């Protein structure tokens, strides 16, 4: 059989290109070295639990066209990544920002944070 496109890789780009090309009336053959689609964003159910085989995947965009497109194919939940770090008996916010520096050192300005940082490094 002849195809209009051979797409190597069934990750986000390959799968999206194949979908759009097919919608435009083109024929596509998608191949991948893995036995599944989705690339590193693949999950599989294990005892009813979604297991992220290649690490967690978070999709975010502020583009309405992209958001509407992806929501045609999958259900998304409202996940907000809020990592924390535990050090010396206390929890701190990540990624580092002024809130983290306030939690760590009680400072409220970038200038104060720079002073504390340089003082602690010189010890």
N, C-alpha and C. Protein backbone atom coordinates (compact mmCIF):
# COMPACT_ATOMS: atom_id res chain seq x y z
N UNK A 1 0.84 -1.18 0.00
CA UNK A 1 0.00 0.00 0.00
C UNK A 1 0.88 1.24 0.00
N UNK A 2 0.45 2.29 -0.68
CA UNK A 2 1.17 3.56 -0.71
C UNK A 2 0.55 4.51 0.32
N UNK A 3 1.43 5.29 0.95
CA UNK A 3 0.99 6.28 1.93
C UNK A 3 1.50 7.65 1.50
N UNK A 4 0.76 8.67 1.89
CA UNK A 4 1.22 10.03 1.64
C UNK A 4 2.38 10.38 2.58
N UNK A 5 2.32 9.87 3.81
CA UNK A 5 3.34 10.20 4.80
C UNK A 5 3.75 8.96 5.59
N UNK A 6 5.03 8.83 5.82
CA UNK A 6 5.58 7.87 6.76
C UNK A 6 6.01 8.68 7.98
N UNK A 7 5.45 8.37 9.12
CA UNK A 7 5.75 9.12 10.34
C UNK A 7 6.48 8.18 11.29
N UNK A 8 7.68 8.57 11.64
CA UNK A 8 8.50 7.76 12.54
C UNK A 8 8.40 8.36 13.94
N UNK A 9 7.74 7.62 14.82
CA UNK A 9 7.56 8.07 16.19
C UNK A 9 6.11 8.44 16.46
N UNK A 10 5.52 7.81 17.46
CA UNK A 10 4.12 8.03 17.79
C UNK A 10 3.96 8.83 19.08
N UNK A 11 4.92 9.73 19.32
CA UNK A 11 4.81 10.64 20.47
C UNK A 11 3.88 11.79 20.14
N UNK A 12 3.97 12.86 20.91
CA UNK A 12 3.07 14.00 20.70
C UNK A 12 3.12 14.53 19.28
N UNK A 13 4.32 14.77 18.76
CA UNK A 13 4.42 15.37 17.43
C UNK A 13 3.93 14.40 16.35
N UNK A 14 4.42 13.18 16.37
CA UNK A 14 4.02 12.21 15.35
C UNK A 14 2.53 11.94 15.36
N UNK A 15 1.96 11.75 16.53
CA UNK A 15 0.53 11.47 16.64
C UNK A 15 -0.31 12.67 16.18
N UNK A 16 0.14 13.87 16.56
CA UNK A 16 -0.60 15.07 16.16
C UNK A 16 -0.53 15.28 14.65
N UNK A 17 0.67 15.12 14.10
CA UNK A 17 0.81 15.28 12.65
C UNK A 17 -0.06 14.26 11.91
N UNK A 18 -0.04 13.01 12.36
CA UNK A 18 -0.84 11.96 11.72
C UNK A 18 -2.33 12.30 11.80
N UNK A 19 -2.78 12.79 12.93
CA UNK A 19 -4.20 13.13 13.08
C UNK A 19 -4.58 14.26 12.12
N UNK A 20 -3.77 15.32 12.09
CA UNK A 20 -4.09 16.47 11.23
C UNK A 20 -4.00 16.10 9.75
N UNK A 21 -3.00 15.31 9.40
CA UNK A 21 -2.86 14.89 7.99
C UNK A 21 -4.03 14.01 7.58
N UNK A 22 -4.44 13.10 8.44
CA UNK A 22 -5.57 12.23 8.15
C UNK A 22 -6.85 13.04 8.02
N UNK A 23 -7.03 14.01 8.92
CA UNK A 23 -8.21 14.88 8.83
C UNK A 23 -8.23 15.66 7.52
N UNK A 24 -7.04 15.91 6.96
CA UNK A 24 -6.93 16.65 5.70
C UNK A 24 -7.02 15.71 4.49
N UNK A 25 -7.33 14.43 4.73
CA UNK A 25 -7.52 13.50 3.64
C UNK A 25 -6.27 12.76 3.19
N UNK A 26 -5.19 12.88 3.91
CA UNK A 26 -3.95 12.18 3.56
C UNK A 26 -3.91 10.83 4.26
N UNK A 27 -3.13 9.91 3.69
CA UNK A 27 -2.95 8.60 4.34
C UNK A 27 -1.58 8.59 5.02
N UNK A 28 -1.54 7.98 6.19
CA UNK A 28 -0.32 7.98 7.00
C UNK A 28 -0.01 6.58 7.51
N UNK A 29 1.26 6.28 7.54
CA UNK A 29 1.74 5.08 8.23
C UNK A 29 2.62 5.58 9.36
N UNK A 30 2.24 5.23 10.59
CA UNK A 30 2.99 5.64 11.77
C UNK A 30 3.70 4.41 12.31
N UNK A 31 5.03 4.53 12.49
CA UNK A 31 5.80 3.44 13.08
C UNK A 31 6.51 3.96 14.32
N UNK A 32 6.74 3.07 15.25
CA UNK A 32 7.43 3.44 16.49
C UNK A 32 8.17 2.21 16.99
N UNK A 33 9.31 2.43 17.62
CA UNK A 33 10.06 1.30 18.16
C UNK A 33 9.39 0.71 19.40
N UNK A 34 8.56 1.50 20.05
CA UNK A 34 7.84 1.00 21.22
C UNK A 34 6.53 0.34 20.77
N UNK A 35 5.96 -0.44 21.66
CA UNK A 35 4.73 -1.15 21.33
C UNK A 35 3.48 -0.34 21.64
N UNK A 36 3.65 0.94 21.91
CA UNK A 36 2.51 1.79 22.26
C UNK A 36 2.68 3.18 21.65
N UNK A 37 1.56 3.92 21.61
CA UNK A 37 1.61 5.30 21.17
C UNK A 37 1.82 6.21 22.38
N UNK A 38 2.10 7.47 22.13
CA UNK A 38 2.18 8.44 23.21
C UNK A 38 3.58 8.84 23.63
N UNK A 39 4.59 8.15 23.10
CA UNK A 39 5.95 8.50 23.49
C UNK A 39 6.15 8.42 24.99
N UNK A 40 6.87 9.37 25.55
CA UNK A 40 7.14 9.36 26.99
C UNK A 40 5.93 9.75 27.84
N UNK A 41 4.85 10.18 27.21
CA UNK A 41 3.63 10.53 27.95
C UNK A 41 2.68 9.35 28.06
N UNK A 42 3.17 8.16 27.85
CA UNK A 42 2.35 6.95 27.89
C UNK A 42 2.14 6.51 29.34
N UNK A 43 0.93 6.07 29.62
CA UNK A 43 0.60 5.48 30.92
C UNK A 43 -0.08 4.15 30.67
N UNK A 44 0.03 3.25 31.63
CA UNK A 44 -0.71 2.00 31.53
C UNK A 44 -1.36 1.72 32.86
N UNK A 45 -2.49 1.04 32.80
CA UNK A 45 -3.22 0.68 34.02
C UNK A 45 -2.58 -0.55 34.65
N UNK A 46 -2.30 -0.45 35.93
CA UNK A 46 -1.81 -1.57 36.72
C UNK A 46 -2.71 -1.65 37.94
N UNK A 47 -3.49 -2.73 38.02
CA UNK A 47 -4.45 -2.89 39.11
C UNK A 47 -5.36 -1.67 39.26
N UNK A 48 -5.79 -1.10 38.13
CA UNK A 48 -6.71 0.03 38.15
C UNK A 48 -6.07 1.39 38.38
N UNK A 49 -4.74 1.42 38.46
CA UNK A 49 -4.01 2.68 38.72
C UNK A 49 -3.22 3.05 37.48
N UNK A 50 -3.30 4.32 37.05
CA UNK A 50 -2.49 4.80 35.94
C UNK A 50 -1.04 4.91 36.38
N UNK A 51 -0.17 4.15 35.74
CA UNK A 51 1.26 4.17 36.05
C UNK A 51 1.98 4.87 34.91
N UNK A 52 2.73 5.89 35.22
CA UNK A 52 3.49 6.66 34.24
C UNK A 52 4.85 5.98 34.07
N UNK A 53 5.00 5.22 33.00
CA UNK A 53 6.19 4.39 32.83
C UNK A 53 7.48 5.19 32.68
N UNK A 54 7.38 6.40 32.12
CA UNK A 54 8.59 7.17 31.84
C UNK A 54 8.67 8.43 32.70
N UNK A 55 7.96 8.45 33.80
CA UNK A 55 7.93 9.62 34.67
C UNK A 55 6.64 10.38 34.47
N UNK A 56 6.35 11.30 35.38
CA UNK A 56 5.09 12.03 35.31
C UNK A 56 5.01 12.91 34.07
N UNK A 57 3.81 13.15 33.61
CA UNK A 57 3.61 14.04 32.47
C UNK A 57 2.51 15.04 32.80
N UNK A 58 2.84 16.29 32.57
CA UNK A 58 1.93 17.39 32.83
C UNK A 58 1.78 18.18 31.54
N UNK A 59 0.56 18.37 31.10
CA UNK A 59 0.31 19.15 29.89
C UNK A 59 -0.34 20.46 30.29
N UNK A 60 0.25 21.55 29.84
CA UNK A 60 -0.37 22.85 30.09
C UNK A 60 -0.16 23.75 28.89
N UNK A 61 -1.15 24.59 28.66
CA UNK A 61 -1.08 25.57 27.57
C UNK A 61 -2.03 26.71 27.91
N UNK A 62 -1.72 27.88 27.39
CA UNK A 62 -2.66 28.99 27.53
C UNK A 62 -3.28 29.33 26.17
N UNK A 63 -3.11 28.45 25.19
CA UNK A 63 -3.64 28.64 23.86
C UNK A 63 -4.96 27.89 23.73
N UNK A 64 -6.05 28.62 23.55
CA UNK A 64 -7.39 28.00 23.49
C UNK A 64 -7.52 26.99 22.36
N UNK A 65 -6.91 27.27 21.19
CA UNK A 65 -7.01 26.33 20.07
C UNK A 65 -6.35 24.99 20.41
N UNK A 66 -5.19 25.05 21.04
CA UNK A 66 -4.49 23.82 21.44
C UNK A 66 -5.29 23.09 22.51
N UNK A 67 -5.78 23.82 23.50
CA UNK A 67 -6.57 23.21 24.58
C UNK A 67 -7.81 22.52 24.02
N UNK A 68 -8.52 23.18 23.11
CA UNK A 68 -9.72 22.58 22.51
C UNK A 68 -9.36 21.35 21.68
N UNK A 69 -8.23 21.40 20.98
CA UNK A 69 -7.79 20.25 20.16
C UNK A 69 -7.50 19.04 21.04
N UNK A 70 -6.69 19.19 22.07
CA UNK A 70 -6.32 18.02 22.88
C UNK A 70 -7.50 17.48 23.67
N UNK A 71 -8.44 18.34 24.02
CA UNK A 71 -9.60 17.87 24.77
C UNK A 71 -10.57 17.06 23.92
N UNK A 72 -10.37 17.02 22.61
CA UNK A 72 -11.16 16.13 21.76
C UNK A 72 -10.75 14.68 21.96
N UNK A 73 -9.55 14.44 22.46
CA UNK A 73 -8.99 13.09 22.50
C UNK A 73 -8.77 12.53 23.90
N UNK A 74 -8.77 13.38 24.90
CA UNK A 74 -8.45 12.90 26.23
C UNK A 74 -9.14 13.75 27.29
N UNK A 75 -9.38 13.14 28.42
CA UNK A 75 -9.95 13.86 29.55
C UNK A 75 -8.79 14.32 30.43
N UNK A 76 -8.77 15.59 30.78
CA UNK A 76 -7.71 16.14 31.62
C UNK A 76 -8.26 16.47 33.00
N UNK A 77 -7.43 16.32 34.01
CA UNK A 77 -7.85 16.76 35.34
C UNK A 77 -7.13 18.07 35.66
N UNK A 78 -7.55 18.73 36.69
CA UNK A 78 -7.00 20.03 37.05
C UNK A 78 -5.86 19.84 38.06
N UNK A 79 -4.72 19.42 37.55
CA UNK A 79 -3.56 19.16 38.41
C UNK A 79 -2.67 20.40 38.45
N UNK A 80 -2.23 20.75 39.64
CA UNK A 80 -1.28 21.85 39.81
C UNK A 80 -0.06 21.28 40.51
N UNK A 81 1.09 21.42 39.88
CA UNK A 81 2.34 20.92 40.46
C UNK A 81 2.79 21.87 41.55
N UNK A 82 2.91 21.36 42.77
CA UNK A 82 3.33 22.17 43.91
C UNK A 82 4.42 21.42 44.68
N UNK A 83 5.62 21.32 44.10
CA UNK A 83 6.66 20.55 44.78
C UNK A 83 7.14 21.23 46.06
N UNK A 84 7.56 20.42 46.98
CA UNK A 84 8.10 20.90 48.26
C UNK A 84 9.42 20.17 48.52
N UNK A 85 10.26 20.78 49.32
CA UNK A 85 11.49 20.13 49.74
C UNK A 85 11.52 20.16 51.27
N UNK A 86 12.01 19.08 51.84
CA UNK A 86 12.13 18.96 53.30
C UNK A 86 13.60 19.10 53.66
N UNK A 87 13.91 20.08 54.51
CA UNK A 87 15.30 20.29 54.92
C UNK A 87 15.33 20.79 56.35
N UNK A 88 16.17 20.17 57.15
CA UNK A 88 16.35 20.57 58.55
C UNK A 88 15.03 20.69 59.31
N UNK A 89 14.13 19.73 59.06
CA UNK A 89 12.87 19.69 59.79
C UNK A 89 11.80 20.64 59.30
N UNK A 90 12.03 21.30 58.18
CA UNK A 90 11.05 22.25 57.65
C UNK A 90 10.74 21.96 56.19
N UNK A 91 9.53 22.37 55.74
CA UNK A 91 9.12 22.22 54.35
C UNK A 91 9.24 23.58 53.66
N UNK A 92 9.76 23.54 52.41
CA UNK A 92 9.93 24.76 51.63
C UNK A 92 9.31 24.57 50.25
N UNK A 93 8.84 25.70 49.67
CA UNK A 93 8.23 25.68 48.35
C UNK A 93 9.28 25.63 47.25
N UNK A 94 8.96 24.92 46.17
CA UNK A 94 9.78 24.91 44.96
C UNK A 94 8.87 25.22 43.78
N UNK A 95 9.35 25.71 42.66
CA UNK A 95 10.72 26.15 42.48
C UNK A 95 11.02 27.36 43.35
N UNK A 96 12.31 27.62 43.55
CA UNK A 96 12.70 28.72 44.41
C UNK A 96 12.15 30.03 43.90
N UNK A 97 11.56 30.80 44.80
CA UNK A 97 11.05 32.13 44.48
C UNK A 97 11.10 32.94 45.79
N UNK A 98 10.58 34.14 45.76
CA UNK A 98 10.66 34.97 46.97
C UNK A 98 9.91 34.35 48.13
N UNK A 99 8.85 33.59 47.86
CA UNK A 99 8.14 32.91 48.95
C UNK A 99 9.06 31.90 49.64
N UNK A 100 9.84 31.17 48.85
CA UNK A 100 10.79 30.21 49.41
C UNK A 100 11.82 30.92 50.27
N UNK A 101 12.35 32.03 49.77
CA UNK A 101 13.38 32.77 50.52
C UNK A 101 12.79 33.36 51.80
N UNK A 102 11.52 33.75 51.77
CA UNK A 102 10.87 34.22 52.99
C UNK A 102 10.74 33.05 53.98
N UNK A 103 10.34 31.88 53.48
CA UNK A 103 10.21 30.71 54.35
C UNK A 103 11.56 30.33 54.96
N UNK A 104 12.61 30.43 54.17
CA UNK A 104 13.94 30.02 54.64
C UNK A 104 14.60 31.06 55.52
N UNK A 105 14.56 32.30 55.08
CA UNK A 105 15.38 33.34 55.72
C UNK A 105 14.59 34.52 56.26
N UNK A 106 13.28 34.58 55.98
CA UNK A 106 12.48 35.70 56.46
C UNK A 106 12.69 36.99 55.69
N UNK A 107 13.22 36.89 54.48
CA UNK A 107 13.47 38.09 53.67
C UNK A 107 12.31 38.34 52.72
N UNK A 108 12.15 39.60 52.32
CA UNK A 108 11.01 39.95 51.47
C UNK A 108 11.41 40.63 50.17
N UNK A 109 12.69 40.84 49.95
CA UNK A 109 13.13 41.48 48.71
C UNK A 109 14.30 40.69 48.10
N UNK A 110 14.49 40.80 46.79
CA UNK A 110 15.63 40.14 46.16
C UNK A 110 16.98 40.62 46.74
N UNK A 111 17.06 41.89 47.08
CA UNK A 111 18.30 42.42 47.64
C UNK A 111 18.62 41.76 48.98
N UNK A 112 17.60 41.57 49.82
CA UNK A 112 17.81 40.89 51.11
C UNK A 112 18.24 39.44 50.89
N UNK A 113 17.62 38.78 49.92
CA UNK A 113 17.96 37.38 49.63
C UNK A 113 19.40 37.27 49.17
N UNK A 114 19.86 38.21 48.34
CA UNK A 114 21.26 38.19 47.88
C UNK A 114 22.21 38.34 49.05
N UNK A 115 21.88 39.21 49.97
CA UNK A 115 22.75 39.41 51.15
C UNK A 115 22.84 38.15 51.99
N UNK A 116 21.72 37.51 52.24
CA UNK A 116 21.71 36.28 53.04
C UNK A 116 22.50 35.20 52.32
N UNK A 117 22.28 35.06 51.03
CA UNK A 117 22.96 34.03 50.25
C UNK A 117 24.46 34.21 50.33
N UNK A 118 24.94 35.42 50.10
CA UNK A 118 26.37 35.65 50.12
C UNK A 118 26.95 35.46 51.52
N UNK A 119 26.22 35.83 52.55
CA UNK A 119 26.68 35.65 53.92
C UNK A 119 26.81 34.18 54.25
N UNK A 120 25.81 33.34 53.85
CA UNK A 120 25.84 31.92 54.17
C UNK A 120 26.93 31.19 53.38
N UNK A 121 27.20 31.61 52.14
CA UNK A 121 28.21 30.97 51.32
C UNK A 121 29.60 31.21 51.88
N UNK A 122 29.84 32.39 52.44
CA UNK A 122 31.17 32.76 52.93
C UNK A 122 31.53 32.06 54.22
N UNK A 123 30.57 31.44 54.90
CA UNK A 123 30.86 30.79 56.18
C UNK A 123 31.79 29.64 56.04
